[in-house]
Amino acid sequence: MVIITTSAHESDTADEYTELIRDITEEVDHSDGSESSGMEPIDKLSLFRDINATNEDDMDSGNSSPVTALQKYFESYVSIATNVPFLVVLAFNAVYGHKIGDNVKNLTSFVMIIVIFIMTTIFVKINTDLYQQTFFSLTIASIVLLSTSAGTLQSSASGIASLFPSQCMHAMVSGQAVSGLFAAMAQVLALMGHWEVVNTAFYYFLMADITLVLSLIMYLYTKQTDFYRHHKQRVKQSRRQMQSFALSSEHNFLQSIVYEIWPHLLSSTLVFWVTLSVFPAITVLVAPQRPDTSYWTGKYFIPVTCFLLYNLSDLMGRFAGRFCPIPAHSRHTVLVVAIARVALIPLIMLCNALPRAHLPVVFASEVYYVLFITLLGFSNGFVLINVMINGPTLVGYQYRERAGFLLVCCLGAGLTLGSFSSNILLRFL
């Protein structure tokens, strides 16, 4: 199956989007917004983007202008807009998703995502300087709709993949990491090409549009293959068995599923709760000890050490979990690993994240930051792949689709908790 999901990793593509918008907003500090069209001076909190800014040198070298409140908390705003509707949709699908046809859920979600991305691509070339707050609201609204569609698509895909051979679930989960790695590499290549920010954004979204259309075509093609039809028939038989139960029995087998896989459900919540608490809201604020002394400590530092390194480590963790898995019957082992990841939150917060007003900097060297980011990404992928592959195998075949729904729902809960936690942790810096 060919699956496109947005989550902010899982939300990985969303992470690149927020970093791109952050770069654009930093240019606004160089422009005098009070002189155009006789408008009142724009409040610093309302600064979102300035499409007319052209001072690429200042942007690349890291200007000394103070970070506005909107710039500082922008990643958290986007995380909340992404993860709250995502969680609501996942919770709905966990209970009622099996009653809605896969074609209705998947095709509708695909079309909605494609339409939103095409609209966003068009907006890249539209000057929104005079209504920045309105454009910010439109951006958040589009993210909400996008997350709703992505949540529907991901929960449906995960539920079906739970009924397929385990290689299909591994391919789907690994594909999510590859998408984040692809976006991170595109960002680095754009910096190497010295493209203007607006052109970079346009090409980013254009690539996303093309990828989504191709994915929809491949999905329609996959539905016609014998492999898909064979397993789809088993899905239909499974659903007929489930529909034969009375409503009271449905409550009972939901309880039995939760009882069998509760360590995996809790682990799936913890894995993204920990990750989203610091990535990318806090990790993008980390600066090297001697900034702008080289390309490494300048414009390439965050794109390489934060996004590229994290996504590469995440992908390696997913491959490691596939070839050196935690045994499915060792239910509590994966939970212990997920809980141990909590230690990474204070470690990353004690790195050189700026601006800060409360916590001291304990790990000033970027070597520690690179180590912590590597551990964060690798452990994220390792735990996630073990949860998604092993969890559904612990219940009967007729319950595996529902188990997949529940696991993705808990992932969404972790994403939502992480987005709120990141906002809180920022205030402790």
Protein backbone atom coordinates (compact mmCIF):
# COMPACT_ATOMS: atom_id res chain seq x y z
CA MET A 1 0.00 0.00 0.00
CA VAL A 2 1.11 3.55 -0.72
CA ILE A 3 0.30 5.77 2.23
CA ILE A 4 0.78 9.50 2.82
CA THR A 5 0.33 10.71 6.40
CA THR A 6 0.90 14.02 8.13
CA SER A 7 1.65 14.24 11.74
CA ALA A 8 3.53 16.02 12.47
CA HIS A 9 5.42 13.17 12.51
CA GLU A 10 4.24 12.40 13.03
CA SER A 11 4.31 15.86 11.60
CA ASP A 12 7.76 15.73 10.04
CA THR A 13 6.64 17.69 6.99
CA ALA A 14 4.83 20.06 9.33
CA ASP A 15 8.08 20.52 11.25
CA GLU A 16 9.85 21.62 8.07
CA TYR A 17 6.92 23.92 7.28
CA THR A 18 7.14 25.63 10.67
CA GLU A 19 10.90 26.05 10.36
CA LEU A 20 10.43 27.60 6.92
CA ILE A 21 7.81 30.04 8.21
CA ARG A 22 10.09 30.82 11.14
CA ASP A 23 12.86 31.78 8.68
CA ILE A 24 10.45 34.02 6.80
CA THR A 25 9.20 35.77 9.93
CA GLU A 26 12.74 36.57 11.03
CA GLU A 27 13.07 38.82 7.98
CA VAL A 28 10.24 41.03 9.21
CA ASP A 29 12.45 42.56 11.87
CA HIS A 30 14.43 44.32 9.11
CA SER A 31 11.43 46.09 7.55
CA ASP A 32 9.56 49.16 8.69
CA GLY A 33 5.93 48.07 8.66
CA SER A 34 4.63 51.45 9.78
CA GLU A 35 5.29 53.30 6.54
CA SER A 36 3.13 51.41 4.03
CA SER A 37 -0.38 52.59 3.13
CA GLY A 38 -0.57 54.85 6.17
CA MET A 39 -1.21 51.88 8.40
CA GLU A 40 -0.63 51.87 12.13
CA PRO A 41 2.64 50.29 13.24
CA ILE A 42 2.25 46.52 13.40
CA ASP A 43 2.52 45.14 16.90
CA LYS A 44 5.53 42.84 17.33
CA LEU A 45 3.27 40.00 18.45
CA SER A 46 1.41 40.11 15.12
CA LEU A 47 4.50 39.68 12.94
CA PHE A 48 4.08 36.59 10.80
CA ARG A 49 5.88 37.03 7.49
CA ASP A 50 7.18 39.71 5.12
CA ILE A 51 7.17 38.46 1.56
CA ASN A 52 8.97 41.60 0.31
CA ALA A 53 12.05 41.22 2.51
CA THR A 54 15.12 40.59 0.38
CA ASN A 55 18.01 40.81 2.84
CA GLU A 56 19.19 37.23 2.43
CA ASP A 57 22.56 37.98 3.95
CA ASP A 58 21.05 39.03 7.24
CA MET A 59 18.82 36.01 7.26
CA ASP A 60 21.61 33.57 6.54
CA SER A 61 24.00 35.07 9.06
CA GLY A 62 21.49 35.06 11.90
CA ASN A 63 20.58 38.66 12.69
CA SER A 64 20.64 40.01 16.20
CA SER A 65 17.05 41.29 16.18
CA PRO A 66 15.06 40.07 19.19
CA VAL A 67 12.75 37.11 18.65
CA THR A 68 9.10 38.17 18.85
CA ALA A 69 6.56 36.28 20.90
CA LEU A 70 4.88 34.93 17.78
CA GLN A 71 8.19 33.73 16.38
CA LYS A 72 9.14 32.06 19.66
CA TYR A 73 5.84 30.22 20.13
CA PHE A 74 4.97 29.69 16.48
CA GLU A 75 6.02 26.03 16.47
CA SER A 76 3.82 25.39 19.51
CA TYR A 77 0.82 27.13 17.91
CA VAL A 78 1.19 24.97 14.82
CA SER A 79 1.67 21.82 16.93
CA ILE A 80 -1.57 22.50 18.81
CA ALA A 81 -3.50 23.24 15.59
CA THR A 82 -2.08 20.04 14.12
CA ASN A 83 -2.51 17.63 17.00
CA VAL A 84 -5.79 18.54 18.71
CA PRO A 85 -8.05 17.90 15.66
CA PHE A 86 -5.80 14.98 14.78
CA LEU A 87 -6.55 13.40 18.17
CA VAL A 88 -10.30 14.06 17.92
CA VAL A 89 -10.47 12.35 14.52
CA LEU A 90 -8.38 9.40 15.71
CA ALA A 91 -10.61 8.92 18.77
CA PHE A 92 -13.70 8.97 16.55
CA ASN A 93 -12.22 6.44 14.15
CA ALA A 94 -11.10 4.18 17.01
CA VAL A 95 -14.77 3.76 18.00
CA TYR A 96 -16.74 4.26 14.79
CA GLY A 97 -14.15 4.09 12.00
CA HIS A 98 -14.94 0.48 11.07
CA LYS A 99 -18.51 1.52 10.23
CA ILE A 100 -17.40 3.90 7.46
CA GLY A 101 -16.18 2.54 4.12
CA ASP A 102 -12.46 2.76 3.41
CA ASN A 103 -13.05 4.36 0.02
CA VAL A 104 -15.07 7.16 1.58
CA LYS A 105 -12.44 7.86 4.24
CA ASN A 106 -9.33 7.50 2.12
CA LEU A 107 -10.43 9.17 -1.11
CA THR A 108 -12.11 12.08 0.68
CA SER A 109 -9.04 12.62 2.83
CA PHE A 110 -6.70 12.46 -0.16
CA VAL A 111 -8.71 15.01 -2.11
CA MET A 112 -8.99 17.38 0.86
CA ILE A 113 -5.23 17.24 1.55
CA ILE A 114 -4.39 17.86 -2.11
CA VAL A 115 -6.77 20.84 -2.33
CA ILE A 116 -5.33 22.42 0.82
CA PHE A 117 -1.74 21.98 -0.37
CA ILE A 118 -2.56 23.49 -3.78
CA MET A 119 -4.19 26.49 -2.10
CA THR A 120 -1.15 26.90 0.14
CA THR A 121 1.14 26.76 -2.90
CA ILE A 122 -0.86 29.57 -4.51
CA PHE A 123 -0.68 31.69 -1.35
CA VAL A 124 3.12 31.54 -1.41
CA LYS A 125 3.12 34.00 -4.31
CA ILE A 126 0.46 36.31 -2.82
CA ASN A 127 1.59 39.37 -0.85
CA THR A 128 -0.06 39.18 2.57
CA ASP A 129 1.96 41.89 4.32
CA LEU A 130 -1.04 44.13 4.96
CA TYR A 131 -3.11 41.46 6.72
CA GLN A 132 -0.55 39.33 8.51
CA GLN A 133 -2.82 38.34 11.40
CA THR A 134 -5.59 37.32 8.99
CA PHE A 135 -3.13 35.25 6.99
CA PHE A 136 -1.88 33.65 10.20
CA SER A 137 -5.48 32.71 11.08
CA LEU A 138 -6.01 31.25 7.59
CA THR A 139 -2.81 29.26 7.97
CA ILE A 140 -3.93 27.80 11.29
CA ALA A 141 -7.38 27.01 9.85
CA SER A 142 -5.83 25.19 6.89
CA ILE A 143 -3.63 23.21 9.29
CA VAL A 144 -6.72 22.16 11.26
CA LEU A 145 -8.45 20.91 8.09
CA LEU A 146 -5.26 19.23 6.95
CA SER A 147 -4.82 17.47 10.29
CA THR A 148 -8.42 16.27 10.24
CA SER A 149 -7.97 14.72 6.81
CA ALA A 150 -4.53 13.32 7.66
CA GLY A 151 -5.85 11.79 10.87
CA THR A 152 -8.65 10.07 9.00
CA LEU A 153 -6.24 8.77 6.38
CA GLN A 154 -3.62 7.58 8.86
CA SER A 155 -6.06 5.79 11.16
CA SER A 156 -7.68 4.03 8.20
CA ALA A 157 -4.30 3.04 6.76
CA SER A 158 -2.99 1.80 10.10
CA GLY A 159 -6.12 -0.23 10.75
CA ILE A 160 -5.92 -1.95 7.37
CA ALA A 161 -2.15 -2.45 7.61
CA SER A 162 -2.70 -4.26 10.91
CA LEU A 163 -4.54 -6.94 8.96
CA PHE A 164 -1.82 -7.26 6.33
CA PRO A 165 1.54 -9.05 6.84
CA SER A 166 3.87 -7.26 9.26
CA GLN A 167 6.08 -6.12 6.37
CA CYS A 168 3.29 -3.79 5.28
CA MET A 169 3.11 -2.10 8.69
CA HIS A 170 6.88 -1.74 8.72
CA ALA A 171 6.81 -0.20 5.23
CA MET A 172 4.14 2.29 6.29
CA VAL A 173 5.90 3.35 9.49
CA SER A 174 9.27 3.55 7.76
CA GLY A 175 7.74 5.58 4.95
CA GLN A 176 6.74 8.24 7.45
CA ALA A 177 10.36 8.58 8.54
CA VAL A 178 11.55 8.72 4.93
CA SER A 179 9.15 11.59 4.23
CA GLY A 180 10.65 13.58 7.10
CA LEU A 181 14.17 12.80 5.91
CA PHE A 182 13.26 13.89 2.39
CA ALA A 183 11.92 17.22 3.65
CA ALA A 184 15.04 17.82 5.77
CA MET A 185 17.33 17.08 2.83
CA ALA A 186 15.31 19.44 0.63
CA GLN A 187 15.81 22.21 3.18
CA VAL A 188 19.59 21.70 3.25
CA LEU A 189 19.77 21.63 -0.55
CA ALA A 190 17.76 24.84 -0.72
CA LEU A 191 20.24 26.54 1.61
CA MET A 192 23.15 25.29 -0.47
CA GLY A 193 21.49 26.74 -3.58
CA HIS A 194 21.05 30.16 -1.91
CA TRP A 195 17.43 30.33 -3.04
CA GLU A 196 15.17 33.13 -1.90
CA VAL A 197 12.82 32.12 0.90
CA VAL A 198 9.67 32.65 -1.15
CA ASN A 199 10.96 30.54 -4.03
CA THR A 200 12.06 27.87 -1.58
CA ALA A 201 8.57 27.74 -0.07
CA PHE A 202 6.99 27.54 -3.51
CA TYR A 203 9.15 24.60 -4.59
CA TYR A 204 8.60 22.85 -1.24
CA PHE A 205 4.83 22.92 -1.62
CA LEU A 206 5.00 22.14 -5.34
CA MET A 207 6.96 18.96 -4.54
CA ALA A 208 4.35 18.10 -1.92
CA ASP A 209 1.53 18.63 -4.46
CA ILE A 210 3.19 16.32 -6.97
CA THR A 211 3.92 13.69 -4.32
CA LEU A 212 0.32 13.71 -3.08
CA VAL A 213 -1.14 13.36 -6.58
CA LEU A 214 1.24 10.48 -7.35
CA SER A 215 0.33 8.84 -4.04
CA LEU A 216 -3.37 9.04 -4.86
CA ILE A 217 -2.72 7.46 -8.27
CA MET A 218 -0.65 4.68 -6.67
CA TYR A 219 -3.36 4.10 -4.05
CA LEU A 220 -5.99 3.68 -6.78
CA TYR A 221 -3.65 1.31 -8.63
CA THR A 222 -2.88 -0.72 -5.48
CA LYS A 223 -6.58 -1.31 -4.89
CA GLN A 224 -6.72 -3.24 -8.16
CA THR A 225 -3.91 -5.68 -7.33
CA ASP A 226 -4.61 -9.30 -6.35
CA PHE A 227 -2.58 -8.88 -3.15
CA TYR A 228 -4.76 -6.02 -1.95
CA ARG A 229 -8.00 -7.72 -2.96
CA HIS A 230 -7.05 -10.93 -1.16
CA HIS A 231 -6.38 -9.20 2.14
CA LYS A 232 -9.30 -6.83 1.65
CA GLN A 233 -11.59 -9.84 1.50
CA ARG A 234 -10.22 -10.97 4.85
CA VAL A 235 -10.93 -7.47 6.16
CA LYS A 236 -14.56 -7.74 5.06
CA GLN A 237 -14.91 -11.12 6.73
CA SER A 238 -13.39 -9.72 9.91
CA ARG A 239 -15.82 -6.81 9.92
CA ARG A 240 -18.79 -9.11 9.42
CA GLN A 241 -17.68 -11.06 12.48
CA MET A 242 -17.42 -7.87 14.50
CA GLN A 243 -20.84 -6.63 13.36
CA SER A 244 -22.39 -9.90 14.50
CA PHE A 245 -21.69 -8.98 18.13
CA ALA A 246 -24.26 -7.12 20.17
CA LEU A 247 -23.46 -3.60 21.32
CA SER A 248 -22.71 -4.86 24.84
CA SER A 249 -20.28 -7.41 23.41
CA GLU A 250 -18.51 -4.64 21.51
CA HIS A 251 -17.79 -2.89 24.78
CA ASN A 252 -16.41 -6.13 26.19
CA PHE A 253 -14.05 -6.86 23.31
CA LEU A 254 -12.77 -3.27 23.39
CA GLN A 255 -11.88 -3.89 27.02
CA SER A 256 -10.18 -7.15 26.11
CA ILE A 257 -8.10 -5.42 23.42
CA VAL A 258 -7.00 -2.71 25.83
CA TYR A 259 -6.15 -5.32 28.46
CA GLU A 260 -3.94 -7.26 26.05
CA ILE A 261 -2.02 -4.33 24.56
CA TRP A 262 -2.17 -1.63 27.26
CA PRO A 263 1.67 -1.44 27.54
CA HIS A 264 1.83 -0.76 23.80
CA LEU A 265 -0.97 1.79 24.00
CA LEU A 266 0.77 3.62 26.82
CA SER A 267 4.12 3.39 25.04
CA SER A 268 2.65 4.85 21.84
CA THR A 269 1.38 7.81 23.87
CA LEU A 270 4.68 8.34 25.67
CA VAL A 271 6.87 8.12 22.58
CA PHE A 272 5.40 11.19 20.90
CA TRP A 273 4.63 13.00 24.13
CA VAL A 274 8.34 13.04 24.90
CA THR A 275 9.42 13.80 21.34
CA LEU A 276 6.97 16.65 20.68
CA SER A 277 7.71 18.20 24.08
CA VAL A 278 11.12 19.30 22.81
CA PHE A 279 11.10 18.74 19.04
CA PRO A 280 10.94 21.09 17.25
CA ALA A 281 9.79 23.85 19.64
CA ILE A 282 12.91 23.78 21.84
CA THR A 283 15.43 22.06 19.59
CA VAL A 284 15.20 24.83 16.95
CA LEU A 285 16.24 27.38 19.58
CA VAL A 286 19.57 25.70 20.34
CA ALA A 287 22.59 27.70 19.15
CA PRO A 288 26.25 26.64 18.84
CA GLN A 289 28.87 27.94 21.25
CA ARG A 290 30.49 30.13 18.59
CA PRO A 291 27.72 31.04 16.14
CA ASP A 292 28.43 32.20 12.58
CA THR A 293 32.13 31.29 12.68
CA SER A 294 31.59 28.79 9.84
CA TYR A 295 28.86 27.32 7.65
CA TRP A 296 28.42 24.58 10.25
CA THR A 297 27.68 27.05 13.05
CA GLY A 298 25.70 29.37 10.78
CA LYS A 299 22.73 28.75 8.54
CA TYR A 300 23.31 24.97 8.32
CA PHE A 301 23.35 24.30 12.06
CA ILE A 302 19.62 23.86 12.77
CA PRO A 303 18.66 22.29 9.41
CA VAL A 304 21.42 19.67 9.78
CA THR A 305 21.63 19.00 13.52
CA CYS A 306 17.93 19.39 14.31
CA PHE A 307 15.90 18.21 11.33
CA LEU A 308 18.23 16.15 9.15
CA LEU A 309 19.97 14.36 12.03
CA TYR A 310 16.72 13.70 13.90
CA ASN A 311 14.94 12.24 10.87
CA LEU A 312 17.95 10.14 9.89
CA SER A 313 18.22 8.78 13.46
CA ASP A 314 14.48 8.15 13.52
CA LEU A 315 14.69 6.12 10.31
CA MET A 316 17.67 4.12 11.66
CA GLY A 317 15.70 3.39 14.83
CA ARG A 318 12.79 2.04 12.81
CA PHE A 319 15.09 -0.23 10.82
CA ALA A 320 16.79 -1.39 14.04
CA GLY A 321 13.40 -2.17 15.57
CA ARG A 322 12.50 -4.23 12.53
CA PHE A 323 15.65 -6.37 12.44
CA CYS A 324 16.36 -6.46 16.21
CA PRO A 325 12.83 -6.27 17.63
CA ILE A 326 11.65 -6.50 21.19
CA PRO A 327 9.79 -9.85 21.47
CA ALA A 328 6.04 -9.34 21.25
CA HIS A 329 5.42 -11.27 24.48
CA SER A 330 7.79 -8.92 26.40
CA ARG A 331 5.03 -6.37 26.73
CA HIS A 332 6.60 -4.37 29.53
CA THR A 333 10.05 -4.03 27.97
CA VAL A 334 8.89 -1.57 25.31
CA LEU A 335 7.10 0.43 28.03
CA VAL A 336 10.30 0.66 30.09
CA VAL A 337 12.20 1.98 27.07
CA ALA A 338 9.44 4.54 26.38
CA ILE A 339 9.53 5.77 29.99
CA ALA A 340 13.34 6.02 29.95
CA ARG A 341 13.10 8.53 27.08
CA VAL A 342 11.64 11.10 29.49
CA ALA A 343 15.22 11.80 30.66
CA LEU A 344 15.92 13.39 27.26
CA ILE A 345 13.58 16.31 28.00
CA PRO A 346 15.70 17.97 30.75
CA LEU A 347 18.91 17.06 28.92
CA ILE A 348 17.83 18.95 25.80
CA MET A 349 16.42 21.86 27.82
CA LEU A 350 19.81 22.28 29.48
CA CYS A 351 21.49 22.72 26.10
CA ASN A 352 22.22 26.19 24.73
CA ALA A 353 18.61 27.02 23.73
CA LEU A 354 18.12 30.79 23.33
CA PRO A 355 16.48 32.99 24.44
CA ARG A 356 16.25 31.74 28.03
CA ALA A 357 15.62 33.47 31.35
CA HIS A 358 15.39 30.76 34.03
CA LEU A 359 17.32 27.54 33.49
CA PRO A 360 21.13 27.53 33.29
CA VAL A 361 23.04 26.21 30.29
CA VAL A 362 24.72 22.98 31.40
CA PHE A 363 25.56 21.47 28.00
CA ALA A 364 26.92 24.46 26.10
CA SER A 365 28.84 22.44 23.52
CA GLU A 366 26.91 21.45 20.41
CA VAL A 367 28.44 17.96 20.72
CA TYR A 368 26.01 17.20 23.55
CA TYR A 369 23.12 18.58 21.53
CA VAL A 370 23.99 16.34 18.58
CA LEU A 371 24.19 13.33 20.91
CA PHE A 372 20.82 14.07 22.53
CA ILE A 373 19.11 14.66 19.15
CA THR A 374 20.49 11.35 17.88
CA LEU A 375 19.19 9.50 20.94
CA LEU A 376 15.83 11.26 20.67
CA GLY A 377 15.35 10.27 17.03
CA PHE A 378 16.70 6.72 17.29
CA SER A 379 14.67 5.85 20.38
CA ASN A 380 11.55 7.40 18.82
CA GLY A 381 11.80 5.16 15.76
CA PHE A 382 12.79 2.06 17.75
CA VAL A 383 9.88 2.26 20.18
CA LEU A 384 7.36 3.23 17.51
CA ILE A 385 8.13 0.33 15.17
CA ASN A 386 7.93 -2.21 18.01
CA VAL A 387 4.62 -0.77 19.19
CA MET A 388 2.97 -0.69 15.77
CA ILE A 389 4.14 -4.15 14.65
CA ASN A 390 3.83 -6.12 17.90
CA GLY A 391 0.67 -4.56 19.31
CA PRO A 392 -1.89 -5.91 16.81
CA THR A 393 -0.34 -9.42 16.86
CA LEU A 394 -1.30 -9.85 20.53
CA VAL A 395 -5.03 -9.96 19.76
CA GLY A 396 -7.16 -12.17 17.52
CA TYR A 397 -7.21 -11.47 13.80
CA GLN A 398 -10.77 -10.13 13.88
CA TYR A 399 -9.68 -7.52 16.44
CA ARG A 400 -6.45 -6.38 14.79
CA GLU A 401 -7.96 -3.56 12.78
CA ARG A 402 -9.51 -2.10 15.93
CA ALA A 403 -6.18 -2.56 17.74
CA GLY A 404 -4.51 -0.56 14.96
CA PHE A 405 -7.10 2.19 15.38
CA LEU A 406 -6.46 2.32 19.14
CA LEU A 407 -2.68 2.46 18.71
CA VAL A 408 -2.92 5.38 16.28
CA CYS A 409 -5.38 7.09 18.62
CA CYS A 410 -2.85 6.86 21.43
CA LEU A 411 -0.16 8.21 19.09
CA GLY A 412 -2.40 11.19 18.47
CA ALA A 413 -2.87 11.62 22.22
CA GLY A 414 0.90 11.71 22.61
CA LEU A 415 1.21 14.29 19.83
CA THR A 416 -1.41 16.50 21.48
CA LEU A 417 0.12 16.21 24.94
CA GLY A 418 3.54 16.91 23.49
CA SER A 419 2.36 20.05 21.71
CA PHE A 420 0.90 21.46 24.93
CA SER A 421 3.93 20.40 26.95
CA SER A 422 6.28 22.18 24.55
CA ASN A 423 4.48 25.46 25.17
CA ILE A 424 4.82 24.99 28.91
CA LEU A 425 8.46 23.91 28.78
CA LEU A 426 9.35 26.97 26.68
CA ARG A 427 8.26 29.15 29.56
CA PHE A 428 10.62 27.32 31.91
CA LEU A 429 13.67 28.12 29.79
